Protein backbone atom coordinates (compact mmCIF):
# COMPACT_ATOMS: atom_id res chain seq x y z
CA MET A 1 -100.53 76.68 -34.11
CA THR A 2 -103.49 79.34 -34.28
CA THR A 3 -106.75 77.96 -35.46
CA ALA A 4 -107.78 79.57 -38.70
CA THR A 5 -110.61 82.22 -39.11
CA PRO A 6 -113.94 80.58 -39.65
CA ARG A 7 -115.04 80.59 -43.21
CA ALA A 8 -118.41 82.67 -42.55
CA LYS A 9 -116.41 85.62 -41.36
CA LEU A 10 -113.45 85.32 -43.98
CA PRO A 11 -112.60 88.99 -45.08
CA ALA A 12 -111.93 89.67 -48.79
CA ILE A 13 -108.68 91.07 -49.35
CA ASP A 14 -106.38 92.51 -52.25
CA PHE A 15 -102.71 91.54 -51.72
CA VAL A 16 -100.26 94.45 -52.88
CA SER A 17 -96.98 94.04 -52.74
CA PRO A 18 -93.75 93.27 -54.70
CA LEU A 19 -93.32 89.38 -55.27
CA PRO A 20 -90.54 87.07 -56.24
CA PRO A 21 -88.02 87.55 -58.37
CA VAL A 22 -87.82 90.99 -56.67
CA ARG A 23 -84.52 90.96 -54.64
CA SER A 24 -86.69 92.60 -51.37
CA GLY A 25 -87.09 91.09 -48.13
CA ILE A 26 -90.82 92.05 -48.44
CA ALA A 27 -91.51 89.78 -51.54
CA ASP A 28 -89.94 86.79 -49.60
CA TYR A 29 -92.25 87.95 -46.20
CA SER A 30 -95.21 87.64 -48.83
CA VAL A 31 -94.48 84.35 -50.12
CA ASP A 32 -94.29 83.17 -46.50
CA LEU A 33 -97.22 84.88 -45.38
CA LEU A 34 -99.62 84.12 -47.89
CA PRO A 35 -100.42 80.39 -47.62
CA ALA A 36 -101.45 80.77 -44.04
CA LEU A 37 -103.66 84.19 -45.02
CA ALA A 38 -105.14 82.58 -47.68
CA ALA A 39 -106.63 79.94 -45.18
CA ARG A 40 -107.96 82.77 -43.31
CA ALA A 41 -109.23 85.17 -45.68
CA ASP A 42 -110.49 85.24 -49.43
CA VAL A 43 -107.44 86.73 -50.94
CA ARG A 44 -106.50 87.49 -54.41
CA VAL A 45 -102.71 88.69 -55.31
CA LEU A 46 -102.33 91.63 -57.12
CA ALA A 47 -99.09 92.00 -59.81
CA LEU A 48 -97.68 95.46 -59.48
CA PRO A 49 -97.50 97.69 -62.85
CA GLY A 50 -94.19 96.88 -64.57
CA GLN A 51 -92.53 94.37 -61.94
CA PRO A 52 -92.04 90.67 -63.05
CA VAL A 53 -93.36 87.94 -61.17
CA ASP A 54 -92.04 84.66 -60.88
CA PRO A 55 -94.39 82.11 -63.00
CA GLY A 56 -94.22 79.52 -59.99
CA VAL A 57 -95.48 82.09 -57.52
CA ALA A 58 -98.10 83.45 -60.19
CA GLU A 59 -99.34 79.81 -60.81
CA ARG A 60 -99.49 79.07 -57.02
CA PHE A 61 -101.22 82.16 -55.72
CA GLY A 62 -103.59 83.22 -58.83
CA VAL A 63 -101.87 86.37 -59.01
CA VAL A 64 -103.67 88.93 -61.28
CA ALA A 65 -102.98 92.29 -63.04
CA ALA A 66 -103.83 95.37 -60.43
CA ARG A 67 -104.55 97.33 -63.15
CA GLY A 68 -108.39 96.11 -64.15
CA ALA A 69 -109.03 94.45 -61.23
CA ASP A 70 -112.41 95.03 -59.34
CA PRO A 71 -111.68 96.39 -56.37
CA ALA A 72 -115.34 96.30 -55.10
CA GLY A 73 -116.34 94.54 -51.78
CA ARG A 74 -112.42 93.69 -51.15
CA THR A 75 -110.17 95.17 -48.49
CA PRO A 76 -106.91 96.48 -50.35
CA LEU A 77 -103.64 95.06 -48.10
CA TYR A 78 -100.53 96.93 -48.81
CA GLN A 79 -97.12 95.85 -48.13
CA MET A 80 -95.18 99.27 -47.79
CA GLY A 81 -91.28 99.34 -48.13
CA ASN A 82 -88.73 102.34 -48.21
CA ASN A 83 -87.32 101.61 -51.75
CA ARG A 84 -88.54 102.40 -55.34
CA TYR A 85 -90.03 98.51 -55.57
CA HIS A 86 -92.78 100.16 -53.32
CA GLU A 87 -93.64 103.48 -55.26
CA ALA A 88 -96.41 101.74 -57.21
CA VAL A 89 -97.55 100.07 -53.64
CA GLU A 90 -97.60 104.16 -52.39
CA ARG A 91 -99.84 105.14 -55.44
CA MET A 92 -102.16 102.69 -55.17
CA ALA A 93 -102.30 102.96 -51.30
CA LEU A 94 -102.68 106.95 -51.59
CA ALA A 95 -105.67 106.28 -54.17
CA ARG A 96 -107.41 103.55 -52.37
CA PRO A 97 -107.63 103.27 -48.38
CA GLY A 98 -106.98 99.93 -47.05
CA VAL A 99 -104.78 98.03 -44.45
CA LEU A 100 -101.43 98.91 -44.98
CA THR A 101 -98.28 96.80 -43.41
CA LEU A 102 -95.36 99.56 -42.89
CA HIS A 103 -92.46 97.53 -42.89
CA ASP A 104 -90.20 100.47 -42.20
CA LEU A 105 -91.25 103.41 -40.38
CA VAL A 106 -89.08 105.51 -42.47
CA LEU A 107 -90.63 106.24 -46.20
CA HIS A 108 -88.22 109.39 -47.09
CA HIS A 109 -85.47 107.34 -48.95
CA LEU A 110 -88.16 106.24 -51.58
CA VAL A 111 -89.42 109.61 -51.58
CA SER A 112 -86.31 111.19 -52.50
CA GLU A 113 -85.69 108.72 -55.03
CA ARG A 114 -89.04 109.40 -56.66
CA TYR A 115 -88.85 112.74 -56.74
CA LEU A 116 -85.19 113.57 -57.20
CA SER A 117 -84.09 111.40 -59.41
CA ASP A 118 -86.30 113.02 -62.12
CA THR A 119 -85.40 116.26 -60.83
CA ASP A 120 -89.00 117.21 -59.53
CA PHE A 121 -87.74 119.16 -56.63
CA ALA A 122 -91.01 120.80 -56.23
CA GLY A 123 -92.91 117.57 -55.83
CA TYR A 124 -90.10 116.55 -53.52
CA ARG A 125 -90.80 119.96 -51.87
CA ALA A 126 -94.17 119.66 -51.67
CA ARG A 127 -94.33 116.28 -50.07
CA LEU A 128 -92.09 117.36 -47.17
CA VAL A 129 -94.46 120.34 -46.38
CA ALA A 130 -97.48 118.47 -46.58
CA ASP A 131 -95.82 115.82 -44.09
CA HIS A 132 -93.47 117.87 -41.89
CA GLY A 133 -94.59 121.24 -42.21
CA TRP A 134 -92.03 124.58 -41.90
CA ILE A 135 -89.53 121.54 -41.05
CA GLY A 136 -89.95 119.90 -44.00
CA GLU A 137 -89.58 123.16 -45.97
CA GLU A 138 -86.39 123.96 -44.43
CA ALA A 139 -85.12 120.31 -44.94
CA ALA A 140 -86.08 120.41 -48.48
CA ARG A 141 -84.10 123.48 -49.22
CA PRO A 142 -80.69 122.28 -49.77
CA ARG A 143 -81.71 119.23 -51.92
CA ALA A 144 -82.20 121.57 -54.75
CA TRP A 145 -78.42 122.44 -54.73
CA GLY A 146 -77.81 118.71 -54.41
CA GLY A 147 -77.14 118.83 -50.64
CA HIS A 148 -77.90 115.55 -49.02
CA VAL A 149 -77.58 114.79 -45.33
CA GLU A 150 -78.16 111.34 -44.45
CA ALA A 151 -79.50 111.74 -40.85
CA MET A 152 -82.15 114.00 -42.04
CA LEU A 153 -83.82 111.32 -44.16
CA PHE A 154 -84.13 109.32 -40.97
CA GLU A 155 -85.12 112.24 -38.72
CA LEU A 156 -88.42 112.84 -41.55
CA PRO A 157 -90.07 109.56 -42.08
CA VAL A 158 -92.44 111.48 -44.44
CA HIS A 159 -95.08 108.74 -43.97
CA ARG A 160 -98.20 111.14 -42.71
CA THR A 161 -99.92 111.75 -45.61
CA LEU A 162 -99.80 108.00 -46.61
CA LEU A 163 -100.72 106.44 -43.40
CA ARG A 164 -103.89 109.05 -42.44
CA ARG A 165 -105.34 107.88 -45.89
CA GLN A 166 -105.30 104.07 -44.57
CA ARG A 167 -107.85 102.21 -42.35
CA GLY A 168 -105.21 101.18 -40.54
CA ILE A 169 -101.96 100.47 -40.11
CA LEU A 170 -99.92 97.19 -39.27
CA VAL A 171 -96.15 97.20 -37.81
CA HIS A 172 -93.90 94.34 -36.35
CA ASN A 173 -92.68 96.04 -33.11
CA ARG A 174 -93.58 98.26 -30.08
CA TRP A 175 -91.06 100.79 -30.83
CA ALA A 176 -92.74 101.77 -34.13
CA ALA A 177 -95.85 101.51 -33.00
CA GLU A 178 -95.39 103.88 -30.23
CA ARG A 179 -93.67 106.33 -32.35
CA ILE A 180 -96.78 106.05 -34.70
CA ALA A 181 -99.11 106.72 -32.10
CA ALA A 182 -97.26 109.50 -30.54
CA GLU A 183 -97.12 111.48 -33.95
CA ASP A 184 -100.49 111.22 -35.01
CA PRO A 185 -103.06 109.56 -32.39
CA GLU A 186 -105.82 109.40 -34.95
CA VAL A 187 -103.92 106.91 -37.02
CA ARG A 188 -104.99 103.31 -36.12
CA VAL A 189 -101.94 100.98 -35.54
CA ARG A 190 -101.44 97.13 -34.64
CA VAL A 191 -98.54 95.35 -33.69
CA VAL A 192 -98.61 91.88 -35.76
CA PRO A 193 -95.89 89.16 -35.81
CA MET A 194 -93.60 89.00 -38.69
CA GLY A 195 -94.02 85.59 -39.99
CA VAL A 196 -90.71 83.66 -40.70
CA PRO A 197 -90.96 79.75 -41.02
CA LEU A 198 -88.57 77.60 -39.15
CA PRO A 199 -85.85 76.04 -41.22
CA ALA A 200 -86.12 72.22 -41.73
CA LEU A 201 -82.59 72.03 -39.93
CA ALA A 202 -83.40 71.78 -36.23
CA GLY A 203 -80.49 73.56 -33.75
CA ARG A 204 -76.81 73.90 -34.70
CA ALA A 205 -75.75 72.99 -37.94
CA ASP A 206 -73.19 70.00 -37.85
CA ARG A 207 -70.40 71.28 -39.54
CA ALA A 208 -69.11 67.70 -40.45
CA ASP A 209 -71.70 67.77 -42.91
CA PRO A 210 -69.52 68.72 -45.91
CA ASP A 211 -72.74 69.83 -47.75
CA TRP A 212 -73.48 72.37 -44.97
CA GLY A 213 -71.55 74.89 -42.99
CA LEU A 214 -68.34 73.29 -43.44
CA ASP A 215 -68.47 73.18 -47.00
CA PHE A 216 -69.66 76.89 -47.23
CA ARG A 217 -66.59 77.79 -44.97
CA ARG A 218 -64.08 75.84 -47.83
CA ARG A 219 -65.85 77.44 -50.72
CA HIS A 220 -64.97 80.98 -48.90
CA GLY A 221 -61.43 80.53 -47.37
CA VAL A 222 -62.73 80.38 -43.76
CA PRO A 223 -60.92 77.68 -41.62
CA ALA A 224 -62.83 75.00 -40.16
CA ASP A 225 -61.50 75.31 -36.90
CA ALA A 226 -61.97 79.45 -36.74
CA PRO A 227 -64.45 80.94 -34.70
CA VAL A 228 -67.08 82.93 -37.38
CA LEU A 229 -68.61 86.12 -37.34
CA GLY A 230 -71.90 86.64 -39.48
CA SER A 231 -73.51 89.46 -40.75
CA PHE A 232 -76.07 89.05 -43.08
CA GLY A 233 -78.53 91.49 -45.40
CA PHE A 234 -77.88 94.57 -47.40
CA GLN A 235 -74.50 96.36 -46.04
CA THR A 236 -75.24 99.82 -46.02
CA PRO A 237 -73.38 102.13 -43.41
CA ILE A 238 -76.43 102.05 -41.09
CA LYS A 239 -75.82 98.34 -40.52
CA ARG A 240 -72.53 99.05 -38.91
CA THR A 241 -70.27 96.35 -40.40
CA ALA A 242 -67.46 98.57 -40.41
CA LYS A 243 -67.44 98.66 -36.54
CA ALA A 244 -67.12 94.79 -36.77
CA VAL A 245 -64.18 94.98 -38.84
CA GLU A 246 -62.76 97.31 -36.61
CA ALA A 247 -63.17 94.93 -33.71
CA LEU A 248 -61.32 92.10 -35.46
CA ALA A 249 -58.18 94.46 -35.15
CA ALA A 250 -58.36 93.72 -31.17
CA PRO A 251 -56.03 91.25 -29.96
CA GLU A 252 -59.09 89.32 -28.25
CA LEU A 253 -60.41 88.35 -31.55
CA ALA A 254 -57.33 87.67 -33.76
CA ARG A 255 -58.39 84.12 -34.70
CA ALA A 256 -61.89 85.46 -35.56
CA HIS A 257 -63.33 85.79 -39.05
CA LEU A 258 -66.23 87.82 -40.41
CA LEU A 259 -68.57 86.60 -43.08
CA VAL A 260 -70.71 89.29 -44.78
CA VAL A 261 -73.27 87.72 -46.50
CA GLY A 262 -75.64 89.97 -49.06
CA GLU A 263 -74.49 93.35 -51.19
CA SER A 264 -71.83 95.65 -49.72
CA PRO A 265 -71.75 99.40 -50.68
CA ARG A 266 -69.43 99.67 -53.88
CA ASP A 267 -68.43 103.22 -55.56
CA GLY A 268 -70.11 105.22 -52.95
CA ALA A 269 -73.54 103.41 -52.74
CA ASN A 270 -75.53 104.11 -49.75
CA GLY A 271 -79.07 104.35 -48.25
CA ALA A 272 -81.37 102.86 -46.12
CA GLY A 273 -82.11 99.92 -48.89
CA GLY A 274 -85.49 99.61 -47.68
CA ALA A 275 -86.90 96.49 -45.54
CA ASP A 276 -84.52 94.62 -44.56
CA GLY A 277 -84.37 91.58 -46.62
CA VAL A 278 -82.02 88.21 -47.04
CA ASN A 279 -79.92 89.63 -49.80
CA GLY A 280 -79.40 92.51 -51.89
CA ALA A 281 -78.94 93.08 -55.31
CA GLU A 282 -74.91 92.52 -56.70
CA ARG A 283 -73.12 95.71 -57.91
CA PRO A 284 -69.60 96.20 -59.55
CA GLY A 285 -66.89 98.08 -57.99
CA GLU A 286 -64.64 97.82 -54.81
CA SER A 287 -65.80 96.89 -51.33
CA GLU A 288 -65.79 99.49 -49.00
CA LEU A 289 -65.60 97.08 -46.07
CA LEU A 290 -62.94 95.01 -47.74
CA ALA A 291 -61.06 98.32 -48.20
CA LEU A 292 -61.34 98.83 -44.52
CA ALA A 293 -60.11 95.56 -43.51
CA ALA A 294 -57.33 95.90 -45.62
CA GLU A 295 -56.00 99.20 -44.03
CA LEU A 296 -56.80 97.68 -40.50
CA GLY A 297 -54.83 94.67 -41.58
CA VAL A 298 -57.43 92.13 -41.20
CA GLY A 299 -58.24 91.48 -44.72
CA GLU A 300 -57.51 87.83 -44.86
CA ARG A 301 -60.31 87.71 -42.11
CA VAL A 302 -63.02 89.26 -44.00
CA HIS A 303 -65.03 87.36 -46.53
CA GLU A 304 -67.66 89.06 -48.59
CA THR A 305 -70.14 86.72 -50.67
CA GLY A 306 -72.31 89.15 -52.57
CA PHE A 307 -75.66 88.26 -53.16
CA VAL A 308 -76.22 84.38 -52.57
CA PRO A 309 -79.04 82.07 -53.36
CA TRP A 310 -81.52 81.07 -50.51
CA GLU A 311 -79.85 77.70 -49.93
CA ASP A 312 -76.34 79.18 -49.60
CA PHE A 313 -77.84 81.80 -47.33
CA GLU A 314 -78.97 79.19 -45.06
CA ALA A 315 -75.50 77.21 -45.39
CA ALA A 316 -73.81 81.03 -44.53
CA ILE A 317 -75.93 80.96 -41.06
CA ALA A 318 -74.76 77.57 -40.48
CA ALA A 319 -71.32 78.26 -40.98
CA CYS A 320 -71.26 81.11 -38.42
CA ASP A 321 -71.09 80.73 -34.45
CA LEU A 322 -72.29 84.06 -33.99
CA CYS A 323 -74.38 86.64 -36.15
CA LEU A 324 -74.40 90.64 -35.83
CA ASN A 325 -77.20 92.85 -36.48
CA LEU A 326 -75.79 96.25 -35.46
CA ARG A 327 -78.18 99.31 -36.69
CA TYR A 328 -77.98 103.19 -36.33
CA PRO A 329 -79.88 104.86 -37.25
CA THR A 330 -82.82 102.94 -38.03
CA ALA A 331 -85.99 103.04 -40.33
CA GLY A 332 -87.92 101.20 -37.57
CA GLU A 333 -88.09 97.99 -39.33
CA THR A 334 -88.06 94.36 -38.10
CA SER A 335 -85.06 92.60 -39.39
CA ALA A 336 -86.19 89.79 -41.33
CA SER A 337 -82.33 88.88 -42.07
CA LEU A 338 -81.83 88.84 -38.01
CA LEU A 339 -85.12 86.47 -37.61
CA ARG A 340 -83.80 84.16 -40.05
CA VAL A 341 -80.58 83.76 -38.39
CA LEU A 342 -82.48 83.48 -34.83
CA ALA A 343 -84.80 80.94 -36.55
CA ALA A 344 -81.81 78.73 -37.65
CA GLY A 345 -80.44 78.65 -34.04
CA ARG A 346 -77.67 81.33 -34.38
CA PRO A 347 -77.76 83.98 -31.42
CA ALA A 348 -77.13 87.61 -32.19
CA VAL A 349 -75.26 90.89 -31.05
CA VAL A 350 -77.13 93.80 -31.75
CA SER A 351 -77.46 97.57 -31.00
CA ASP A 352 -78.95 98.44 -27.76
CA TYR A 353 -80.95 100.66 -29.68
CA ALA A 354 -84.77 101.56 -30.83
CA GLN A 355 -86.59 98.13 -31.52
CA PHE A 356 -83.90 96.11 -30.89
CA THR A 357 -83.92 96.42 -27.56
CA GLU A 358 -87.28 94.50 -27.43
CA LEU A 359 -85.06 91.36 -28.00
CA PRO A 360 -84.42 89.24 -24.98
CA GLU A 361 -80.96 89.21 -23.79
CA GLU A 362 -81.15 85.22 -23.56
CA ILE A 363 -80.78 85.31 -27.55
CA ALA A 364 -79.35 88.69 -28.46
CA ILE A 365 -76.53 90.54 -26.40
CA LYS A 366 -76.76 94.12 -26.56
CA ALA A 367 -73.80 96.49 -27.62
CA PRO A 368 -74.28 100.27 -27.10
CA LEU A 369 -73.76 103.20 -29.31
CA GLY A 370 -71.37 105.84 -28.95
CA GLU A 371 -67.46 106.09 -28.38
CA ASP A 372 -67.00 102.86 -26.11
CA GLU A 373 -69.27 100.87 -29.02
CA VAL A 374 -66.21 99.06 -30.53
CA PRO A 375 -63.96 98.12 -27.31
CA ILE A 376 -67.46 96.66 -25.76
CA LEU A 377 -68.29 94.94 -29.08
CA VAL A 378 -64.98 93.32 -28.85
CA ALA A 379 -65.38 92.28 -25.06
CA ARG A 380 -68.80 90.54 -25.85
CA LEU A 381 -67.55 88.77 -28.84
CA ALA A 382 -64.62 87.46 -27.09
CA GLU A 383 -66.59 86.25 -24.18
CA LEU A 384 -69.37 84.70 -26.19
CA LEU A 385 -66.82 82.89 -28.92
CA ALA A 386 -64.79 81.22 -25.93
CA ALA A 387 -68.04 80.06 -24.32
CA PRO A 388 -69.38 77.32 -26.95
CA GLU A 389 -71.83 76.14 -24.67
CA ARG A 390 -73.40 79.40 -23.98
CA LEU A 391 -73.69 80.07 -27.67
CA ALA A 392 -75.40 76.42 -28.09
CA ALA A 393 -77.89 77.46 -25.41
CA MET A 394 -78.92 80.94 -26.61
CA GLY A 395 -79.00 79.47 -30.21
CA ALA A 396 -82.04 76.97 -29.00
CA ALA A 397 -83.34 79.71 -26.89
CA ALA A 398 -83.46 82.03 -30.42
CA ARG A 399 -85.01 79.28 -32.24
CA ARG A 400 -87.69 78.69 -29.59
CA HIS A 401 -88.19 82.54 -29.64
CA VAL A 402 -89.27 82.87 -33.38
CA ALA A 403 -91.28 79.38 -33.35
CA LEU A 404 -92.87 81.05 -30.41
CA ARG A 405 -93.11 84.74 -31.26
CA HIS A 406 -92.95 84.56 -35.42
CA ASP A 407 -94.91 81.60 -36.16
CA PRO A 408 -96.49 82.60 -39.79
CA GLU A 409 -100.13 81.12 -38.69
CA ALA A 410 -100.37 83.03 -35.72
CA ALA A 411 -99.16 86.02 -37.95
CA ALA A 412 -101.65 85.57 -40.48
CA GLU A 413 -104.44 84.91 -37.76
CA ALA A 414 -103.47 88.81 -36.66
CA VAL A 415 -103.53 90.13 -40.28
CA ALA A 416 -106.83 88.55 -41.14
CA GLU A 417 -108.19 90.10 -37.71
CA ALA A 418 -107.09 93.65 -38.38
CA CYS A 419 -108.40 93.57 -41.87
CA ALA A 420 -111.96 92.24 -40.67
CA ALA A 421 -111.85 94.72 -37.63
CA TRP A 422 -111.09 97.73 -39.99
CA GLU A 423 -112.90 96.70 -43.24
CA ARG A 424 -115.42 99.36 -42.73
CA ALA A 425 -113.36 101.97 -41.10
CA ASP A 426 -113.04 105.24 -42.36
CA PRO A 427 -109.59 106.87 -42.68
CA PRO A 428 -108.43 109.74 -40.28
CA GLY A 429 -108.00 111.63 -43.63
CA ASP A 430 -105.56 114.51 -44.94
CA ARG A 431 -105.07 117.51 -42.29
CA THR A 432 -102.83 120.44 -42.29
CA VAL A 433 -99.56 119.44 -40.08
CA GLU A 434 -99.46 121.25 -36.83
CA VAL A 435 -95.74 121.97 -36.11
CA PRO A 436 -94.75 124.43 -33.42
CA PRO A 437 -92.90 127.27 -34.77
CA PRO A 438 -89.19 127.22 -34.90
CA SER A 439 -87.43 127.73 -31.69
CA SER A 440 -83.83 128.31 -30.45
CA ARG A 441 -83.78 124.67 -29.53
CA THR A 442 -84.31 123.45 -33.32
CA TRP A 443 -82.98 126.65 -35.12
CA ASP A 444 -79.20 126.91 -35.08
CA THR A 445 -78.96 130.52 -36.87
CA PHE A 446 -79.84 134.00 -34.47
CA ALA A 447 -80.76 136.98 -36.72
CA GLY A 448 -80.68 139.82 -34.63
CA GLY A 449 -78.97 142.64 -33.09
CA LEU A 450 -77.13 144.09 -29.93
CA ARG A 451 -77.09 147.73 -28.66
CA VAL A 452 -74.95 148.90 -25.62
CA GLU A 453 -75.23 151.98 -23.54
CA GLY A 454 -73.38 153.29 -20.86
CA ILE A 455 -69.43 152.80 -21.75
CA GLU A 456 -69.00 156.36 -23.04
CA ASP A 457 -66.84 158.62 -20.81
CA TRP A 458 -66.23 155.76 -18.62
CA PRO A 459 -63.12 156.55 -16.05
CA ALA A 460 -60.57 153.71 -14.93
CA GLY A 461 -61.36 151.84 -11.65
CA THR A 462 -65.14 152.90 -11.79
CA LEU A 463 -68.27 150.97 -11.77
CA ARG A 464 -71.23 151.13 -14.21
CA ARG A 465 -74.34 149.64 -15.29
CA VAL A 466 -73.93 148.82 -18.76
CA ALA A 467 -77.44 148.41 -20.50
CA VAL A 468 -77.07 145.46 -23.16
CA THR A 469 -80.24 145.41 -25.62
CA VAL A 470 -80.71 141.88 -27.34
CA ILE A 471 -83.26 141.96 -30.48
CA ASN A 472 -84.33 139.01 -32.22
CA ARG A 473 -84.90 139.75 -35.79
CA GLY A 474 -84.86 136.07 -37.19
CA PRO A 475 -88.07 133.72 -37.65
CA ALA A 476 -87.28 131.42 -34.57
CA ARG A 477 -88.37 132.55 -31.11
CA TRP A 478 -85.57 132.43 -28.53
CA LEU A 479 -86.59 130.26 -25.33
CA ALA A 480 -85.57 131.78 -21.81
CA ALA A 481 -82.75 130.21 -20.29
CA HIS A 482 -84.79 128.14 -17.72
CA ARG A 483 -86.27 126.28 -20.47
CA GLY A 484 -82.90 124.26 -20.53
CA PRO A 485 -81.08 122.80 -23.78
CA GLY A 486 -81.95 125.56 -26.31
CA GLY A 487 -82.49 128.38 -24.11
CA VAL A 488 -81.07 131.54 -24.70
CA ALA A 489 -77.89 133.69 -22.64
CA LEU A 490 -75.99 136.51 -23.05
CA HIS A 491 -72.02 135.73 -22.62
CA ALA A 492 -69.88 138.92 -21.68
CA ALA A 493 -66.25 138.93 -21.61
CA LEU A 494 -64.04 141.51 -20.83
CA ASP A 495 -60.44 141.03 -22.24
CA THR A 496 -57.01 142.58 -20.62
CA PRO A 497 -53.61 141.78 -20.43
CA ASP A 498 -54.29 139.40 -17.77
CA GLY A 499 -56.96 137.45 -19.20
CA ASP A 500 -60.80 137.74 -19.43
CA LEU A 501 -61.57 139.20 -16.21
CA LEU A 502 -65.32 138.06 -16.39
CA ALA A 503 -64.73 134.30 -17.19
CA ARG A 504 -65.77 132.85 -13.97
CA ARG A 505 -69.07 134.61 -14.48
CA PRO A 506 -71.85 132.16 -15.45
CA TRP A 507 -73.50 133.47 -18.72
CA ILE A 508 -76.62 135.83 -18.27
CA GLY A 509 -79.84 133.65 -18.90
CA LEU A 510 -82.76 135.15 -21.04
CA PRO A 511 -85.30 135.75 -18.36
CA ARG A 512 -88.43 135.25 -21.40
CA ASP A 513 -89.00 134.06 -24.70
CA LEU A 514 -88.70 136.51 -27.04
CA GLY A 515 -90.42 136.54 -30.40
CA THR A 516 -89.54 137.89 -33.68
CA GLY A 517 -89.12 141.76 -33.36
CA GLU A 518 -88.99 141.70 -29.50
CA SER A 519 -86.12 142.89 -27.32
CA HIS A 520 -84.99 142.49 -24.05
CA THR A 521 -82.34 144.85 -22.17
CA PHE A 522 -80.06 143.44 -19.42
CA GLU A 523 -78.17 145.47 -16.89
CA LEU A 524 -74.40 144.67 -16.50
CA ALA A 525 -72.30 145.40 -13.43
CA LEU A 526 -68.73 145.98 -14.60
CA ARG A 527 -65.63 147.80 -13.51
CA ARG A 528 -63.67 149.21 -16.05
CA PRO A 529 -59.61 148.05 -15.89
CA PRO A 530 -57.13 150.49 -15.16
CA GLY A 531 -55.13 149.73 -18.35
CA PRO A 532 -56.45 148.71 -22.22
CA ALA A 533 -59.47 146.48 -22.65
CA ARG A 534 -62.11 144.97 -24.72
CA LEU A 535 -65.63 144.36 -23.96
CA ARG A 536 -67.18 140.96 -25.89
CA LEU A 537 -70.69 140.46 -25.94
CA ALA A 538 -72.51 137.51 -27.89
CA VAL A 539 -76.02 135.54 -27.89
CA ARG A 540 -75.56 131.75 -27.18
CA VAL A 541 -77.47 128.70 -26.85
CA LEU A 542 -77.36 126.36 -23.73
CA GLY A 543 -76.44 123.26 -25.04
CA GLY A 544 -73.08 121.30 -24.37
CA ALA A 545 -73.35 117.52 -23.91
CA ASP A 546 -77.36 117.81 -24.03
CA LEU A 547 -77.28 118.79 -27.74
CA PRO A 548 -74.24 117.67 -29.52
CA ALA A 549 -75.58 118.85 -32.63
CA LEU A 550 -75.20 122.29 -31.41
CA SER A 551 -72.50 122.32 -29.44
CA PRO A 552 -70.04 122.76 -32.50
CA ARG A 553 -72.15 125.90 -33.60
CA LEU A 554 -72.90 127.81 -30.23
CA GLY A 555 -73.97 131.22 -31.06
CA THR A 556 -73.08 130.52 -34.93
CA GLY A 557 -75.07 133.55 -36.84
CA ALA A 558 -75.75 134.83 -33.49
CA PRO A 559 -75.43 139.03 -32.67
CA ARG A 560 -72.07 139.75 -31.73
CA TRP A 561 -70.66 142.79 -30.26
CA GLU A 562 -67.13 144.16 -29.37
CA ARG A 563 -65.31 147.37 -28.72
CA GLU A 564 -62.19 148.67 -27.29
CA ILE A 565 -62.94 150.38 -23.88
CA GLY A 566 -59.45 151.75 -22.93
């Protein structure tokens, strides 16, 4: 256990976070961290405006209202997540610089809810422009007409303004720290452990104990001798629990059952849901996961519990042999529910992606994303469930990993040290975002023109040098072909009754970049066929497998020209 900071060096901290009974993983995290942090700092806990605080929590930590609290001489320590529970945290952090623990690298869901639920499109647009320049403006435009692209919410984190107004940023994994450092080197960032207390239970739960895992199975209709997979936390589509449901339909997993603990999307519910907590608020309606399970013929082997109290959450972990924490895309969070599963002595299968790649193989098996995700998931789950001794060894290693890497005392020490180090640091401050101008690598429409010379009075069978001039009239710079994916080329086709005579010719690469209003002339050596023919020309973008987002739209909106020449 880490030694507490000497009393003479105690930093004075205003701790700002949602607190129980708010159903947020960050509220649970705060209650776990505060006792150890209070031994290392002069901590004052502030209640957020409009949010309830459990009376026991208020008494235990001496919670005071944020409004009216004298800030003099104290460093704010903000706990920031990606849902509306953190609106007040964000407002305070923007107004009063401090140290901010960024639980979710992406804050776009919070920003979207905050502005668009009040139909404040102008505010939403201004925030995206401030953080992402012209890209933010283009991304905001469809939202004015009700457009919604989930991937865009993850690609644009909308955190730049908030982070630049802080003295320093704390995150819980290296992947998030590296992303912040790459995007904005002036922002101070440190990786600190996420403190997770070990549950009193040591090692695997004994299923023979009727008050523990076996009893939980019985109450939820799970056979006592069946292999059981578990998925824990708020079940948004990005958690990919639907892939686990698909895997159950494979013959290799014909005996396996799936426990889904926490809220599942109902009536089209979606979104990131903020930091990954233990559960999620219950909603009425039909479960999408259960509907999928019924469609695949595995409905009797998928068991949803909805939100459960903490004691049942621990019992649910004990009822499982192996747990799942698949994810794509990611908001950059360190999963609290996954760490609690590991702390209880259960191994996991995670997506081989982003921050989850940091977990060692002896406690978390990786499953790749892509077309082979489900068959590979089936194979790895079947292999693990058939090896109880290996599962037990992985579970013991998982518990040791949490004890070593996520000790609340060590976490509190790292947080206190950062607050002391940055106590008098100046925030980087606001700065106009510098985003490179749009190019054919990021733009999918190519306003422009094509002019063709040299096809008039063209005798059959003769060779001509046809001049083809391409003109860029759009806002995006057309990149030269040698730049690779996103480069621009001219595609020529000469259609005859026997087929395209130019089909085997490669596209002709643009030799230099073309800015708005600029042009380039290609010379094509073409022989006119003896019969009727049609010449077709188009500007195309190099992409293919390297640019899957562009491949369905190659040439969309691009200049085109075609004419009969025979």
